[in-house]
Structures are given as C-alpha cells and as structure tokens.
Amino acid sequence: MQTGQRITGAALAAFLAAAAAGCTTVRLEGGDKPIEVNLNVKIDQEVRVKLDREIEDLIAENPDIF
C-alpha cells in the first residue's frame, strides 16, 4: 500500500503543479508616455570646456586681471 500511495501522491502533486501553472497570467503593458532621455549632461560638459578655454585665453592675454 505504501508504493501505491506514493504513486498516487506523486500523480496528484504533478496534476496540481500543472493546474497551478495553467492559472498563471502574465501581462505586459507599455506606458502611455514615451521614454524621455535627458542629455543635458553632455551639453553642460561641452559648455564648461568652452568656457574654461575662453577663461584661460583671457587670463593669458590679461595676466593683470587677478
């Protein structure tokens, strides 16, 4: 009887696992707004480099400023 109960228990467990797997629903939904990528960092760095170069040129041309 022990072997029969093990087989029945295993079959029941397999059936329940298959039934539970069939009940699972996965939904993927996209947002209603587009993804926004902020690129201000790159622009800010370019502006700083240009300003730094201009300041270096001004200091080189006018060493008496400071």
PDB file of N, CA and C in Angstrom:
ATOM      1  N   MET A   1       0.809  -1.197   0.000  1.00  0.00           N
ATOM      2  CA  MET A   1       0.000   0.000   0.000  1.00  0.00           C
ATOM      3  C   MET A   1       0.854   1.264   0.000  1.00  0.00           C
ATOM      4  N   GLN A   2       2.005   1.196   0.566  1.00  0.00           N
ATOM      5  CA  GLN A   2       2.864   2.367   0.625  1.00  0.00           C
ATOM      6  C   GLN A   2       3.259   2.820  -0.782  1.00  0.00           C
ATOM      7  N   THR A   3       3.601   1.889  -1.652  1.00  0.00           N
ATOM      8  CA  THR A   3       4.022   2.231  -3.003  1.00  0.00           C
ATOM      9  C   THR A   3       2.869   2.851  -3.781  1.00  0.00           C
ATOM     10  N   GLY A   4       1.685   2.323  -3.632  1.00  0.00           N
ATOM     11  CA  GLY A   4       0.511   2.855  -4.320  1.00  0.00           C
ATOM     12  C   GLY A   4       0.182   4.265  -3.855  1.00  0.00           C
ATOM     13  N   GLN A   5       0.354   4.518  -2.576  1.00  0.00           N
ATOM     14  CA  GLN A   5       0.085   5.852  -2.046  1.00  0.00           C
ATOM     15  C   GLN A   5       1.128   6.852  -2.546  1.00  0.00           C
ATOM     16  N   ARG A   6       2.372   6.394  -2.682  1.00  0.00           N
ATOM     17  CA  ARG A   6       3.426   7.285  -3.193  1.00  0.00           C
ATOM     18  C   ARG A   6       3.147   7.672  -4.639  1.00  0.00           C
ATOM     19  N   ILE A   7       2.744   6.695  -5.441  1.00  0.00           N
ATOM     20  CA  ILE A   7       2.457   6.971  -6.849  1.00  0.00           C
ATOM     21  C   ILE A   7       1.253   7.905  -6.954  1.00  0.00           C
ATOM     22  N   THR A   8       0.223   7.653  -6.166  1.00  0.00           N
ATOM     23  CA  THR A   8      -0.964   8.495  -6.191  1.00  0.00           C
ATOM     24  C   THR A   8      -0.631   9.906  -5.712  1.00  0.00           C
ATOM     25  N   GLY A   9       0.181  10.003  -4.677  1.00  0.00           N
ATOM     26  CA  GLY A   9       0.590  11.316  -4.168  1.00  0.00           C
ATOM     27  C   GLY A   9       1.426  12.073  -5.188  1.00  0.00           C
ATOM     28  N   ALA A  10       2.327  11.367  -5.871  1.00  0.00           N
ATOM     29  CA  ALA A  10       3.159  12.000  -6.892  1.00  0.00           C
ATOM     30  C   ALA A  10       2.306  12.447  -8.070  1.00  0.00           C
ATOM     31  N   ALA A  11       1.345  11.632  -8.454  1.00  0.00           N
ATOM     32  CA  ALA A  11       0.464  11.992  -9.563  1.00  0.00           C
ATOM     33  C   ALA A  11      -0.392  13.197  -9.190  1.00  0.00           C
ATOM     34  N   LEU A  12      -0.872  13.217  -7.962  1.00  0.00           N
ATOM     35  CA  LEU A  12      -1.677  14.347  -7.500  1.00  0.00           C
ATOM     36  C   LEU A  12      -0.839  15.626  -7.460  1.00  0.00           C
ATOM     37  N   ALA A  13       0.396  15.521  -6.987  1.00  0.00           N
ATOM     38  CA  ALA A  13       1.278  16.686  -6.932  1.00  0.00           C
ATOM     39  C   ALA A  13       1.580  17.197  -8.340  1.00  0.00           C
ATOM     40  N   ALA A  14       1.812  16.285  -9.276  1.00  0.00           N
ATOM     41  CA  ALA A  14       2.085  16.686 -10.658  1.00  0.00           C
ATOM     42  C   ALA A  14       0.858  17.356 -11.269  1.00  0.00           C
ATOM     43  N   PHE A  15      -0.315  16.822 -10.990  1.00  0.00           N
ATOM     44  CA  PHE A  15      -1.546  17.419 -11.514  1.00  0.00           C
ATOM     45  C   PHE A  15      -1.764  18.818 -10.942  1.00  0.00           C
ATOM     46  N   LEU A  16      -1.549  18.984  -9.649  1.00  0.00           N
ATOM     47  CA  LEU A  16      -1.734  20.294  -9.024  1.00  0.00           C
ATOM     48  C   LEU A  16      -0.716  21.309  -9.551  1.00  0.00           C
ATOM     49  N   ALA A  17       0.511  20.862  -9.776  1.00  0.00           N
ATOM     50  CA  ALA A  17       1.533  21.760 -10.316  1.00  0.00           C
ATOM     51  C   ALA A  17       1.164  22.201 -11.731  1.00  0.00           C
ATOM     52  N   ALA A  18       0.677  21.268 -12.539  1.00  0.00           N
ATOM     53  CA  ALA A  18       0.275  21.603 -13.908  1.00  0.00           C
ATOM     54  C   ALA A  18      -0.935  22.530 -13.896  1.00  0.00           C
ATOM     55  N   ALA A  19      -1.867  22.293 -12.989  1.00  0.00           N
ATOM     56  CA  ALA A  19      -3.055  23.140 -12.906  1.00  0.00           C
ATOM     57  C   ALA A  19      -2.682  24.543 -12.441  1.00  0.00           C
ATOM     58  N   ALA A  20      -1.776  24.632 -11.492  1.00  0.00           N
ATOM     59  CA  ALA A  20      -1.350  25.944 -10.999  1.00  0.00           C
ATOM     60  C   ALA A  20      -0.584  26.701 -12.079  1.00  0.00           C
ATOM     61  N   ALA A  21       0.201  25.992 -12.867  1.00  0.00           N
ATOM     62  CA  ALA A  21       0.957  26.643 -13.941  1.00  0.00           C
ATOM     63  C   ALA A  21       0.013  27.174 -15.010  1.00  0.00           C
ATOM     64  N   GLY A  22      -1.078  26.504 -15.236  1.00  0.00           N
ATOM     65  CA  GLY A  22      -2.039  26.950 -16.237  1.00  0.00           C
ATOM     66  C   GLY A  22      -2.841  28.156 -15.788  1.00  0.00           C
ATOM     67  N   CYS A  23      -2.908  28.415 -14.504  1.00  0.00           N
ATOM     68  CA  CYS A  23      -3.695  29.526 -13.979  1.00  0.00           C
ATOM     69  C   CYS A  23      -2.912  30.831 -13.924  1.00  0.00           C
ATOM     70  N   THR A  24      -1.624  30.776 -14.128  1.00  0.00           N
ATOM     71  CA  THR A  24      -0.790  31.963 -14.020  1.00  0.00           C
ATOM     72  C   THR A  24      -0.931  32.818 -15.276  1.00  0.00           C
ATOM     73  N   THR A  25      -1.145  34.107 -15.088  1.00  0.00           N
ATOM     74  CA  THR A  25      -1.274  35.039 -16.202  1.00  0.00           C
ATOM     75  C   THR A  25      -0.217  36.124 -16.060  1.00  0.00           C
ATOM     76  N   VAL A  26       0.475  36.391 -17.140  1.00  0.00           N
ATOM     77  CA  VAL A  26       1.475  37.449 -17.157  1.00  0.00           C
ATOM     78  C   VAL A  26       1.025  38.485 -18.167  1.00  0.00           C
ATOM     79  N   ARG A  27       0.934  39.746 -17.721  1.00  0.00           N
ATOM     80  CA  ARG A  27       0.517  40.823 -18.618  1.00  0.00           C
ATOM     81  C   ARG A  27       1.642  41.839 -18.724  1.00  0.00           C
ATOM     82  N   LEU A  28       1.956  42.206 -19.937  1.00  0.00           N
ATOM     83  CA  LEU A  28       2.941  43.248 -20.188  1.00  0.00           C
ATOM     84  C   LEU A  28       2.230  44.407 -20.862  1.00  0.00           C
ATOM     85  N   GLU A  29       2.363  45.582 -20.276  1.00  0.00           N
ATOM     86  CA  GLU A  29       1.726  46.757 -20.851  1.00  0.00           C
ATOM     87  C   GLU A  29       2.761  47.858 -20.996  1.00  0.00           C
ATOM     88  N   GLY A  30       2.729  48.504 -22.125  1.00  0.00           N
ATOM     89  CA  GLY A  30       3.603  49.649 -22.333  1.00  0.00           C
ATOM     90  C   GLY A  30       2.977  50.889 -21.731  1.00  0.00           C
ATOM     91  N   GLY A  31       3.809  51.839 -21.373  1.00  0.00           N
ATOM     92  CA  GLY A  31       3.300  53.079 -20.816  1.00  0.00           C
ATOM     93  C   GLY A  31       2.649  53.938 -21.883  1.00  0.00           C
ATOM     94  N   ASP A  32       1.838  54.878 -21.457  1.00  0.00           N
ATOM     95  CA  ASP A  32       1.181  55.753 -22.417  1.00  0.00           C
ATOM     96  C   ASP A  32       2.052  56.950 -22.775  1.00  0.00           C
ATOM     97  N   LYS A  33       3.140  57.158 -22.035  1.00  0.00           N
ATOM     98  CA  LYS A  33       4.058  58.254 -22.334  1.00  0.00           C
ATOM     99  C   LYS A  33       5.356  57.687 -22.909  1.00  0.00           C
ATOM    100  N   PRO A  34       5.984  58.391 -23.833  1.00  0.00           N
ATOM    101  CA  PRO A  34       7.260  57.904 -24.366  1.00  0.00           C
ATOM    102  C   PRO A  34       8.375  58.036 -23.331  1.00  0.00           C
ATOM    103  N   ILE A  35       9.413  57.270 -23.511  1.00  0.00           N
ATOM    104  CA  ILE A  35      10.565  57.334 -22.613  1.00  0.00           C
ATOM    105  C   ILE A  35      11.348  58.602 -22.933  1.00  0.00           C
ATOM    106  N   GLU A  36      11.685  59.355 -21.907  1.00  0.00           N
ATOM    107  CA  GLU A  36      12.417  60.601 -22.095  1.00  0.00           C
ATOM    108  C   GLU A  36      13.845  60.418 -21.605  1.00  0.00           C
ATOM    109  N   VAL A  37      14.798  60.729 -22.461  1.00  0.00           N
ATOM    110  CA  VAL A  37      16.207  60.629 -22.099  1.00  0.00           C
ATOM    111  C   VAL A  37      16.759  62.043 -22.000  1.00  0.00           C
ATOM    112  N   ASN A  38      17.310  62.367 -20.852  1.00  0.00           N
ATOM    113  CA  ASN A  38      17.831  63.704 -20.617  1.00  0.00           C
ATOM    114  C   ASN A  38      19.313  63.733 -20.984  1.00  0.00           C
ATOM    115  N   LEU A  39      19.667  64.530 -21.986  1.00  0.00           N
ATOM    116  CA  LEU A  39      21.050  64.598 -22.454  1.00  0.00           C
ATOM    117  C   LEU A  39      21.726  65.906 -22.057  1.00  0.00           C
ATOM    118  N   ASN A  40      21.210  66.581 -21.054  1.00  0.00           N
ATOM    119  CA  ASN A  40      21.779  67.862 -20.649  1.00  0.00           C
ATOM    120  C   ASN A  40      23.186  67.729 -20.089  1.00  0.00           C
ATOM    121  N   VAL A  41      23.552  66.573 -19.600  1.00  0.00           N
ATOM    122  CA  VAL A  41      24.880  66.392 -19.006  1.00  0.00           C
ATOM    123  C   VAL A  41      25.962  66.604 -20.050  1.00  0.00           C
ATOM    124  N   LYS A  42      25.790  66.022 -21.210  1.00  0.00           N
ATOM    125  CA  LYS A  42      26.791  66.163 -22.255  1.00  0.00           C
ATOM    126  C   LYS A  42      26.889  67.620 -22.714  1.00  0.00           C
ATOM    127  N   ILE A  43      25.780  68.260 -22.890  1.00  0.00           N
ATOM    128  CA  ILE A  43      25.774  69.659 -23.318  1.00  0.00           C
ATOM    129  C   ILE A  43      26.443  70.526 -22.262  1.00  0.00           C
ATOM    130  N   ASP A  44      26.148  70.268 -21.001  1.00  0.00           N
ATOM    131  CA  ASP A  44      26.736  71.034 -19.905  1.00  0.00           C
ATOM    132  C   ASP A  44      28.251  70.880 -19.895  1.00  0.00           C
ATOM    133  N   GLN A  45      28.742  69.689 -20.128  1.00  0.00           N
ATOM    134  CA  GLN A  45      30.182  69.461 -20.134  1.00  0.00           C
ATOM    135  C   GLN A  45      30.843  70.207 -21.284  1.00  0.00           C
ATOM    136  N   GLU A  46      30.210  70.215 -22.440  1.00  0.00           N
ATOM    137  CA  GLU A  46      30.780  70.930 -23.575  1.00  0.00           C
ATOM    138  C   GLU A  46      30.830  72.428 -23.296  1.00  0.00           C
ATOM    139  N   VAL A  47      29.793  72.967 -22.688  1.00  0.00           N
ATOM    140  CA  VAL A  47      29.761  74.395 -22.369  1.00  0.00           C
ATOM    141  C   VAL A  47      30.853  74.730 -21.367  1.00  0.00           C
ATOM    142  N   ARG A  48      31.040  73.891 -20.377  1.00  0.00           N
ATOM    143  CA  ARG A  48      32.080  74.146 -19.378  1.00  0.00           C
ATOM    144  C   ARG A  48      33.468  74.116 -19.998  1.00  0.00           C
ATOM    145  N   VAL A  49      33.715  73.179 -20.885  1.00  0.00           N
ATOM    146  CA  VAL A  49      35.028  73.100 -21.532  1.00  0.00           C
ATOM    147  C   VAL A  49      35.273  74.351 -22.356  1.00  0.00           C
ATOM    148  N   LYS A  50      34.273  74.803 -23.084  1.00  0.00           N
ATOM    149  CA  LYS A  50      34.429  76.006 -23.897  1.00  0.00           C
ATOM    150  C   LYS A  50      34.672  77.227 -23.012  1.00  0.00           C
ATOM    151  N   LEU A  51      33.933  77.334 -21.915  1.00  0.00           N
ATOM    152  CA  LEU A  51      34.129  78.462 -21.012  1.00  0.00           C
ATOM    153  C   LEU A  51      35.503  78.411 -20.355  1.00  0.00           C
ATOM    154  N   ASP A  52      35.935  77.219 -19.967  1.00  0.00           N
ATOM    155  CA  ASP A  52      37.263  77.086 -19.367  1.00  0.00           C
ATOM    156  C   ASP A  52      38.345  77.531 -20.342  1.00  0.00           C
ATOM    157  N   ARG A  53      38.208  77.162 -21.586  1.00  0.00           N
ATOM    158  CA  ARG A  53      39.207  77.560 -22.584  1.00  0.00           C
ATOM    159  C   ARG A  53      39.189  79.070 -22.802  1.00  0.00           C
ATOM    160  N   GLU A  54      37.994  79.653 -22.833  1.00  0.00           N
ATOM    161  CA  GLU A  54      37.897  81.103 -23.001  1.00  0.00           C
ATOM    162  C   GLU A  54      38.514  81.831 -21.807  1.00  0.00           C
ATOM    163  N   ILE A  55      38.286  81.319 -20.621  1.00  0.00           N
ATOM    164  CA  ILE A  55      38.855  81.938 -19.421  1.00  0.00           C
ATOM    165  C   ILE A  55      40.377  81.822 -19.431  1.00  0.00           C
ATOM    166  N   GLU A  56      40.880  80.667 -19.814  1.00  0.00           N
ATOM    167  CA  GLU A  56      42.336  80.500 -19.903  1.00  0.00           C
ATOM    168  C   GLU A  56      42.933  81.484 -20.907  1.00  0.00           C
ATOM    169  N   ASP A  57      42.257  81.663 -22.033  1.00  0.00           N
ATOM    170  CA  ASP A  57      42.751  82.616 -23.039  1.00  0.00           C
ATOM    171  C   ASP A  57      42.722  84.047 -22.494  1.00  0.00           C
ATOM    172  N   LEU A  58      41.639  84.401 -21.789  1.00  0.00           N
ATOM    173  CA  LEU A  58      41.548  85.749 -21.223  1.00  0.00           C
ATOM    174  C   LEU A  58      42.635  85.995 -20.179  1.00  0.00           C
ATOM    175  N   ILE A  59      42.892  85.007 -19.349  1.00  0.00           N
ATOM    176  CA  ILE A  59      43.934  85.161 -18.331  1.00  0.00           C
ATOM    177  C   ILE A  59      45.303  85.261 -18.993  1.00  0.00           C
ATOM    178  N   ALA A  60      45.516  84.479 -20.045  1.00  0.00           N
ATOM    179  CA  ALA A  60      46.805  84.541 -20.740  1.00  0.00           C
ATOM    180  C   ALA A  60      46.998  85.903 -21.409  1.00  0.00           C
ATOM    181  N   GLU A  61      45.915  86.456 -21.944  1.00  0.00           N
ATOM    182  CA  GLU A  61      46.002  87.758 -22.604  1.00  0.00           C
ATOM    183  C   GLU A  61      46.106  88.906 -21.597  1.00  0.00           C
ATOM    184  N   ASN A  62      45.485  88.746 -20.437  1.00  0.00           N
ATOM    185  CA  ASN A  62      45.461  89.803 -19.418  1.00  0.00           C
ATOM    186  C   ASN A  62      45.936  89.245 -18.075  1.00  0.00           C
ATOM    187  N   PRO A  63      47.211  89.082 -17.882  1.00  0.00           N
ATOM    188  CA  PRO A  63      47.696  88.493 -16.624  1.00  0.00           C
ATOM    189  C   PRO A  63      47.470  89.408 -15.417  1.00  0.00           C
ATOM    190  N   ASP A  64      47.153  90.665 -15.619  1.00  0.00           N
ATOM    191  CA  ASP A  64      46.952  91.601 -14.508  1.00  0.00           C
ATOM    192  C   ASP A  64      45.526  91.558 -13.946  1.00  0.00           C
ATOM    193  N   ILE A  65      44.675  90.706 -14.482  1.00  0.00           N
ATOM    194  CA  ILE A  65      43.275  90.664 -14.025  1.00  0.00           C
ATOM    195  C   ILE A  65      43.203  90.270 -12.554  1.00  0.00           C
ATOM    196  N   PHE A  66      43.998  89.313 -12.144  1.00  0.00           N
ATOM    197  CA  PHE A  66      43.911  88.836 -10.757  1.00  0.00           C
ATOM    198  C   PHE A  66      45.053  89.372  -9.957  1.00  0.00           C
TER     199      PHE A  66
END
